[in-house]
């Protein structure tokens, strides 16, 4: 590797809005994030499923069926 062109890689603390703290290494200083694996709905099991089938049916009623649907 070439010398004096790479950023400094130091120990960093990442703090989430929920209070979870991760210790890692990074080129940036202490980081603050808004959501992490400890509070994200997908990982905590509180995920809400969107009714996409209802949206498609509403679109088809409003604008008629497409040629691909026939």
PDB file of N, CA and C in Angstrom:
ATOM      1  N   UNK A   1       0.833  -1.185   0.000  1.00  0.00           N
ATOM      2  CA  UNK A   1       0.000   0.000   0.000  1.00  0.00           C
ATOM      3  C   UNK A   1       0.873   1.241   0.000  1.00  0.00           C
ATOM      4  N   UNK A   2       0.329   2.268  -0.625  1.00  0.00           N
ATOM      5  CA  UNK A   2       1.047   3.540  -0.605  1.00  0.00           C
ATOM      6  C   UNK A   2       0.934   4.160   0.778  1.00  0.00           C
ATOM      7  N   UNK A   3       1.967   4.886   1.167  1.00  0.00           N
ATOM      8  CA  UNK A   3       1.961   5.521   2.481  1.00  0.00           C
ATOM      9  C   UNK A   3       1.354   6.918   2.387  1.00  0.00           C
ATOM     10  N   UNK A   4       0.755   7.351   3.486  1.00  0.00           N
ATOM     11  CA  UNK A   4       0.226   8.709   3.682  1.00  0.00           C
ATOM     12  C   UNK A   4      -0.956   9.055   2.776  1.00  0.00           C
ATOM     13  N   UNK A   5      -1.682   8.057   2.220  1.00  0.00           N
ATOM     14  CA  UNK A   5      -2.863   8.393   1.426  1.00  0.00           C
ATOM     15  C   UNK A   5      -4.143   7.813   2.028  1.00  0.00           C
ATOM     16  N   UNK A   6      -4.024   6.937   3.002  1.00  0.00           N
ATOM     17  CA  UNK A   6      -5.179   6.288   3.585  1.00  0.00           C
ATOM     18  C   UNK A   6      -5.645   7.039   4.834  1.00  0.00           C
ATOM     19  N   UNK A   7      -6.973   7.102   5.061  1.00  0.00           N
ATOM     20  CA  UNK A   7      -7.460   7.782   6.269  1.00  0.00           C
ATOM     21  C   UNK A   7      -7.131   6.970   7.517  1.00  0.00           C
ATOM     22  N   UNK A   8      -7.122   7.645   8.634  1.00  0.00           N
ATOM     23  CA  UNK A   8      -6.821   6.987   9.902  1.00  0.00           C
ATOM     24  C   UNK A   8      -8.004   6.139  10.342  1.00  0.00           C
ATOM     25  N   UNK A   9      -7.775   4.917  10.749  1.00  0.00           N
ATOM     26  CA  UNK A   9      -8.790   3.933  11.117  1.00  0.00           C
ATOM     27  C   UNK A   9      -8.719   3.737  12.622  1.00  0.00           C
ATOM     28  N   UNK A  10      -9.678   4.326  13.351  1.00  0.00           N
ATOM     29  CA  UNK A  10      -9.610   4.320  14.807  1.00  0.00           C
ATOM     30  C   UNK A  10     -10.859   3.696  15.425  1.00  0.00           C
ATOM     31  N   UNK A  11     -10.808   3.480  16.733  1.00  0.00           N
ATOM     32  CA  UNK A  11     -11.958   2.961  17.472  1.00  0.00           C
ATOM     33  C   UNK A  11     -13.052   4.026  17.500  1.00  0.00           C
ATOM     34  N   UNK A  12     -14.296   3.599  17.278  1.00  0.00           N
ATOM     35  CA  UNK A  12     -15.430   4.510  17.185  1.00  0.00           C
ATOM     36  C   UNK A  12     -16.602   3.957  17.975  1.00  0.00           C
ATOM     37  N   UNK A  13     -17.407   4.836  18.524  1.00  0.00           N
ATOM     38  CA  UNK A  13     -18.614   4.448  19.228  1.00  0.00           C
ATOM     39  C   UNK A  13     -19.810   4.902  18.404  1.00  0.00           C
ATOM     40  N   UNK A  14     -20.731   3.975  18.121  1.00  0.00           N
ATOM     41  CA  UNK A  14     -21.957   4.298  17.403  1.00  0.00           C
ATOM     42  C   UNK A  14     -23.088   4.237  18.418  1.00  0.00           C
ATOM     43  N   UNK A  15     -23.857   5.328  18.532  1.00  0.00           N
ATOM     44  CA  UNK A  15     -24.944   5.409  19.495  1.00  0.00           C
ATOM     45  C   UNK A  15     -26.252   5.588  18.730  1.00  0.00           C
ATOM     46  N   UNK A  16     -27.228   4.719  19.022  1.00  0.00           N
ATOM     47  CA  UNK A  16     -28.542   4.794  18.380  1.00  0.00           C
ATOM     48  C   UNK A  16     -29.452   5.707  19.201  1.00  0.00           C
ATOM     49  N   UNK A  17     -30.527   6.164  18.588  1.00  0.00           N
ATOM     50  CA  UNK A  17     -31.501   7.008  19.280  1.00  0.00           C
ATOM     51  C   UNK A  17     -32.184   6.254  20.417  1.00  0.00           C
ATOM     52  N   UNK A  18     -32.264   4.928  20.317  1.00  0.00           N
ATOM     53  CA  UNK A  18     -32.900   4.129  21.371  1.00  0.00           C
ATOM     54  C   UNK A  18     -31.965   3.911  22.560  1.00  0.00           C
ATOM     55  N   UNK A  19     -30.694   4.251  22.414  1.00  0.00           N
ATOM     56  CA  UNK A  19     -29.743   4.123  23.512  1.00  0.00           C
ATOM     57  C   UNK A  19     -28.749   2.991  23.357  1.00  0.00           C
ATOM     58  N   UNK A  20     -28.904   2.159  22.349  1.00  0.00           N
ATOM     59  CA  UNK A  20     -27.978   1.057  22.124  1.00  0.00           C
ATOM     60  C   UNK A  20     -26.621   1.602  21.670  1.00  0.00           C
ATOM     61  N   UNK A  21     -25.550   1.040  22.213  1.00  0.00           N
ATOM     62  CA  UNK A  21     -24.195   1.504  21.902  1.00  0.00           C
ATOM     63  C   UNK A  21     -23.424   0.368  21.241  1.00  0.00           C
ATOM     64  N   UNK A  22     -22.790   0.665  20.119  1.00  0.00           N
ATOM     65  CA  UNK A  22     -21.946  -0.295  19.408  1.00  0.00           C
ATOM     66  C   UNK A  22     -20.525   0.257  19.384  1.00  0.00           C
ATOM     67  N   UNK A  23     -19.569  -0.571  19.738  1.00  0.00           N
ATOM     68  CA  UNK A  23     -18.158  -0.199  19.651  1.00  0.00           C
ATOM     69  C   UNK A  23     -17.558  -0.897  18.446  1.00  0.00           C
ATOM     70  N   UNK A  24     -16.959  -0.124  17.560  1.00  0.00           N
ATOM     71  CA  UNK A  24     -16.392  -0.667  16.332  1.00  0.00           C
ATOM     72  C   UNK A  24     -15.203   0.186  15.911  1.00  0.00           C
ATOM     73  N   UNK A  25     -14.728  -0.048  14.710  1.00  0.00           N
ATOM     74  CA  UNK A  25     -13.628   0.766  14.168  1.00  0.00           C
ATOM     75  C   UNK A  25     -14.116   1.410  12.884  1.00  0.00           C
ATOM     76  N   UNK A  26     -13.703   2.653  12.656  1.00  0.00           N
ATOM     77  CA  UNK A  26     -14.150   3.386  11.482  1.00  0.00           C
ATOM     78  C   UNK A  26     -13.196   4.534  11.194  1.00  0.00           C
ATOM     79  N   UNK A  27     -13.355   5.121  10.014  1.00  0.00           N
ATOM     80  CA  UNK A  27     -12.572   6.309   9.678  1.00  0.00           C
ATOM     81  C   UNK A  27     -13.224   7.564  10.222  1.00  0.00           C
ATOM     82  N   UNK A  28     -14.502   7.477  10.624  1.00  0.00           N
ATOM     83  CA  UNK A  28     -15.205   8.616  11.204  1.00  0.00           C
ATOM     84  C   UNK A  28     -15.133   8.594  12.712  1.00  0.00           C
ATOM     85  N   UNK A  29     -15.446   9.743  13.306  1.00  0.00           N
ATOM     86  CA  UNK A  29     -15.470   9.821  14.766  1.00  0.00           C
ATOM     87  C   UNK A  29     -16.782   9.241  15.280  1.00  0.00           C
ATOM     88  N   UNK A  30     -17.077   9.489  16.525  1.00  0.00           N
ATOM     89  CA  UNK A  30     -18.282   8.951  17.152  1.00  0.00           C
ATOM     90  C   UNK A  30     -19.509   9.289  16.308  1.00  0.00           C
ATOM     91  N   UNK A  31     -20.339   8.267  16.026  1.00  0.00           N
ATOM     92  CA  UNK A  31     -21.484   8.430  15.149  1.00  0.00           C
ATOM     93  C   UNK A  31     -22.784   8.290  15.929  1.00  0.00           C
ATOM     94  N   UNK A  32     -23.810   9.022  15.492  1.00  0.00           N
ATOM     95  CA  UNK A  32     -25.145   8.897  16.056  1.00  0.00           C
ATOM     96  C   UNK A  32     -26.079   8.496  14.929  1.00  0.00           C
ATOM     97  N   UNK A  33     -26.866   7.429  15.165  1.00  0.00           N
ATOM     98  CA  UNK A  33     -27.785   6.947  14.147  1.00  0.00           C
ATOM     99  C   UNK A  33     -29.212   7.004  14.684  1.00  0.00           C
ATOM    100  N   UNK A  34     -30.182   6.969  13.776  1.00  0.00           N
ATOM    101  CA  UNK A  34     -31.572   7.093  14.171  1.00  0.00           C
ATOM    102  C   UNK A  34     -32.260   5.777  14.445  1.00  0.00           C
ATOM    103  N   UNK A  35     -31.777   4.699  13.835  1.00  0.00           N
ATOM    104  CA  UNK A  35     -32.423   3.392  14.012  1.00  0.00           C
ATOM    105  C   UNK A  35     -31.363   2.306  13.864  1.00  0.00           C
ATOM    106  N   UNK A  36     -31.511   1.237  14.641  1.00  0.00           N
ATOM    107  CA  UNK A  36     -30.539   0.144  14.609  1.00  0.00           C
ATOM    108  C   UNK A  36     -31.273  -1.189  14.649  1.00  0.00           C
ATOM    109  N   UNK A  37     -30.557  -2.272  14.684  1.00  0.00           N
ATOM    110  CA  UNK A  37     -31.152  -3.600  14.707  1.00  0.00           C
ATOM    111  C   UNK A  37     -31.914  -3.860  16.006  1.00  0.00           C
ATOM    112  N   UNK A  38     -31.584  -3.165  17.071  1.00  0.00           N
ATOM    113  CA  UNK A  38     -32.270  -3.372  18.349  1.00  0.00           C
ATOM    114  C   UNK A  38     -33.645  -2.715  18.387  1.00  0.00           C
ATOM    115  N   UNK A  39     -33.883  -1.690  17.542  1.00  0.00           N
ATOM    116  CA  UNK A  39     -35.165  -0.997  17.594  1.00  0.00           C
ATOM    117  C   UNK A  39     -35.898  -0.972  16.247  1.00  0.00           C
ATOM    118  N   UNK A  40     -35.315  -1.524  15.193  1.00  0.00           N
ATOM    119  CA  UNK A  40     -35.973  -1.540  13.881  1.00  0.00           C
ATOM    120  C   UNK A  40     -37.149  -2.519  13.911  1.00  0.00           C
ATOM    121  N   UNK A  41     -38.328  -2.114  13.404  1.00  0.00           N
ATOM    122  CA  UNK A  41     -39.512  -2.985  13.462  1.00  0.00           C
ATOM    123  C   UNK A  41     -39.330  -4.342  12.789  1.00  0.00           C
ATOM    124  N   UNK A  42     -38.549  -4.432  11.737  1.00  0.00           N
ATOM    125  CA  UNK A  42     -38.346  -5.715  11.063  1.00  0.00           C
ATOM    126  C   UNK A  42     -37.654  -6.713  11.983  1.00  0.00           C
ATOM    127  N   UNK A  43     -36.666  -6.271  12.734  1.00  0.00           N
ATOM    128  CA  UNK A  43     -35.900  -7.166  13.598  1.00  0.00           C
ATOM    129  C   UNK A  43     -36.574  -7.420  14.941  1.00  0.00           C
ATOM    130  N   UNK A  44     -37.445  -6.515  15.384  1.00  0.00           N
ATOM    131  CA  UNK A  44     -38.112  -6.691  16.674  1.00  0.00           C
ATOM    132  C   UNK A  44     -39.421  -7.457  16.551  1.00  0.00           C
ATOM    133  N   UNK A  45     -39.876  -7.725  15.314  1.00  0.00           N
ATOM    134  CA  UNK A  45     -41.106  -8.478  15.107  1.00  0.00           C
ATOM    135  C   UNK A  45     -42.355  -7.626  15.137  1.00  0.00           C
ATOM    136  N   UNK A  46     -42.232  -6.323  15.110  1.00  0.00           N
ATOM    137  CA  UNK A  46     -43.372  -5.417  15.136  1.00  0.00           C
ATOM    138  C   UNK A  46     -43.643  -4.809  13.773  1.00  0.00           C
ATOM    139  N   UNK A  47     -43.230  -5.501  12.736  1.00  0.00           N
ATOM    140  CA  UNK A  47     -43.372  -4.990  11.377  1.00  0.00           C
ATOM    141  C   UNK A  47     -44.833  -5.013  10.957  1.00  0.00           C
ATOM    142  N   UNK A  48     -45.274  -3.951  10.270  1.00  0.00           N
ATOM    143  CA  UNK A  48     -46.631  -3.876   9.756  1.00  0.00           C
ATOM    144  C   UNK A  48     -46.598  -4.228   8.280  1.00  0.00           C
ATOM    145  N   UNK A  49     -47.515  -5.097   7.860  1.00  0.00           N
ATOM    146  CA  UNK A  49     -47.576  -5.481   6.462  1.00  0.00           C
ATOM    147  C   UNK A  49     -48.573  -4.586   5.739  1.00  0.00           C
ATOM    148  N   UNK A  50     -48.180  -4.091   4.579  1.00  0.00           N
ATOM    149  CA  UNK A  50     -49.016  -3.198   3.797  1.00  0.00           C
ATOM    150  C   UNK A  50     -49.884  -4.030   2.867  1.00  0.00           C
ATOM    151  N   UNK A  51     -51.134  -3.659   2.741  1.00  0.00           N
ATOM    152  CA  UNK A  51     -52.070  -4.376   1.884  1.00  0.00           C
ATOM    153  C   UNK A  51     -51.874  -3.922   0.443  1.00  0.00           C
ATOM    154  N   UNK A  52     -50.918  -4.517  -0.255  1.00  0.00           N
ATOM    155  CA  UNK A  52     -50.646  -4.113  -1.631  1.00  0.00           C
ATOM    156  C   UNK A  52     -51.698  -4.635  -2.587  1.00  0.00           C
ATOM    157  N   UNK A  53     -52.328  -5.760  -2.276  1.00  0.00           N
ATOM    158  CA  UNK A  53     -53.359  -6.300  -3.159  1.00  0.00           C
ATOM    159  C   UNK A  53     -54.541  -5.344  -3.227  1.00  0.00           C
ATOM    160  N   UNK A  54     -54.902  -4.738  -2.122  1.00  0.00           N
ATOM    161  CA  UNK A  54     -55.991  -3.765  -2.116  1.00  0.00           C
ATOM    162  C   UNK A  54     -55.666  -2.543  -2.950  1.00  0.00           C
ATOM    163  N   UNK A  55     -54.433  -2.120  -2.959  1.00  0.00           N
ATOM    164  CA  UNK A  55     -54.023  -0.971  -3.757  1.00  0.00           C
ATOM    165  C   UNK A  55     -54.111  -1.278  -5.242  1.00  0.00           C
ATOM    166  N   UNK A  56     -53.720  -2.470  -5.622  1.00  0.00           N
ATOM    167  CA  UNK A  56     -53.758  -2.856  -7.036  1.00  0.00           C
ATOM    168  C   UNK A  56     -55.204  -2.935  -7.521  1.00  0.00           C
ATOM    169  N   UNK A  57     -56.076  -3.507  -6.699  1.00  0.00           N
ATOM    170  CA  UNK A  57     -57.487  -3.596  -7.069  1.00  0.00           C
ATOM    171  C   UNK A  57     -58.113  -2.207  -7.184  1.00  0.00           C
ATOM    172  N   UNK A  58     -57.760  -1.309  -6.297  1.00  0.00           N
ATOM    173  CA  UNK A  58     -58.270   0.061  -6.346  1.00  0.00           C
ATOM    174  C   UNK A  58     -57.807   0.760  -7.620  1.00  0.00           C
ATOM    175  N   UNK A  59     -56.550   0.554  -7.988  1.00  0.00           N
ATOM    176  CA  UNK A  59     -56.016   1.138  -9.225  1.00  0.00           C
ATOM    177  C   UNK A  59     -56.748   0.571 -10.441  1.00  0.00           C
ATOM    178  N   UNK A  60     -56.988  -0.747 -10.453  1.00  0.00           N
ATOM    179  CA  UNK A  60     -57.667  -1.380 -11.584  1.00  0.00           C
ATOM    180  C   UNK A  60     -59.106  -0.877 -11.710  1.00  0.00           C
ATOM    181  N   UNK A  61     -59.792  -0.680 -10.595  1.00  0.00           N
ATOM    182  CA  UNK A  61     -61.155  -0.148 -10.650  1.00  0.00           C
ATOM    183  C   UNK A  61     -61.163   1.284 -11.169  1.00  0.00           C
ATOM    184  N   UNK A  62     -60.203   2.080 -10.748  1.00  0.00           N
ATOM    185  CA  UNK A  62     -60.174   3.488 -11.117  1.00  0.00           C
ATOM    186  C   UNK A  62     -59.798   3.692 -12.581  1.00  0.00           C
ATOM    187  N   UNK A  63     -58.795   2.991 -13.062  1.00  0.00           N
ATOM    188  CA  UNK A  63     -58.273   3.230 -14.399  1.00  0.00           C
ATOM    189  C   UNK A  63     -58.566   2.108 -15.381  1.00  0.00           C
ATOM    190  N   UNK A  64     -59.273   1.105 -14.992  1.00  0.00           N
ATOM    191  CA  UNK A  64     -59.582  -0.008 -15.875  1.00  0.00           C
ATOM    192  C   UNK A  64     -58.431  -0.995 -15.926  1.00  0.00           C
ATOM    193  N   UNK A  65     -58.720  -2.146 -16.399  1.00  0.00           N
ATOM    194  CA  UNK A  65     -57.695  -3.191 -16.467  1.00  0.00           C
ATOM    195  C   UNK A  65     -56.728  -2.882 -17.605  1.00  0.00           C
ATOM    196  N   UNK A  66     -55.492  -3.272 -17.415  1.00  0.00           N
ATOM    197  CA  UNK A  66     -54.470  -3.052 -18.442  1.00  0.00           C
ATOM    198  C   UNK A  66     -54.502  -4.176 -19.466  1.00  0.00           C
ATOM    199  N   UNK A  67     -53.833  -3.981 -20.575  1.00  0.00           N
ATOM    200  CA  UNK A  67     -53.770  -5.015 -21.613  1.00  0.00           C
ATOM    201  C   UNK A  67     -53.078  -6.274 -21.104  1.00  0.00           C
ATOM    202  N   UNK A  68     -52.096  -6.111 -20.213  1.00  0.00           N
ATOM    203  CA  UNK A  68     -51.368  -7.263 -19.675  1.00  0.00           C
ATOM    204  C   UNK A  68     -52.278  -8.084 -18.766  1.00  0.00           C
ATOM    205  N   UNK A  69     -53.274  -7.455 -18.162  1.00  0.00           N
ATOM    206  CA  UNK A  69     -54.159  -8.157 -17.261  1.00  0.00           C
ATOM    207  C   UNK A  69     -55.222  -8.962 -17.980  1.00  0.00           C
ATOM    208  N   UNK A  70     -55.478  -8.675 -19.266  1.00  0.00           N
ATOM    209  CA  UNK A  70     -56.542  -9.360 -20.014  1.00  0.00           C
ATOM    210  C   UNK A  70     -56.145 -10.718 -20.483  1.00  0.00           C
TER     211      UNK A  70
END
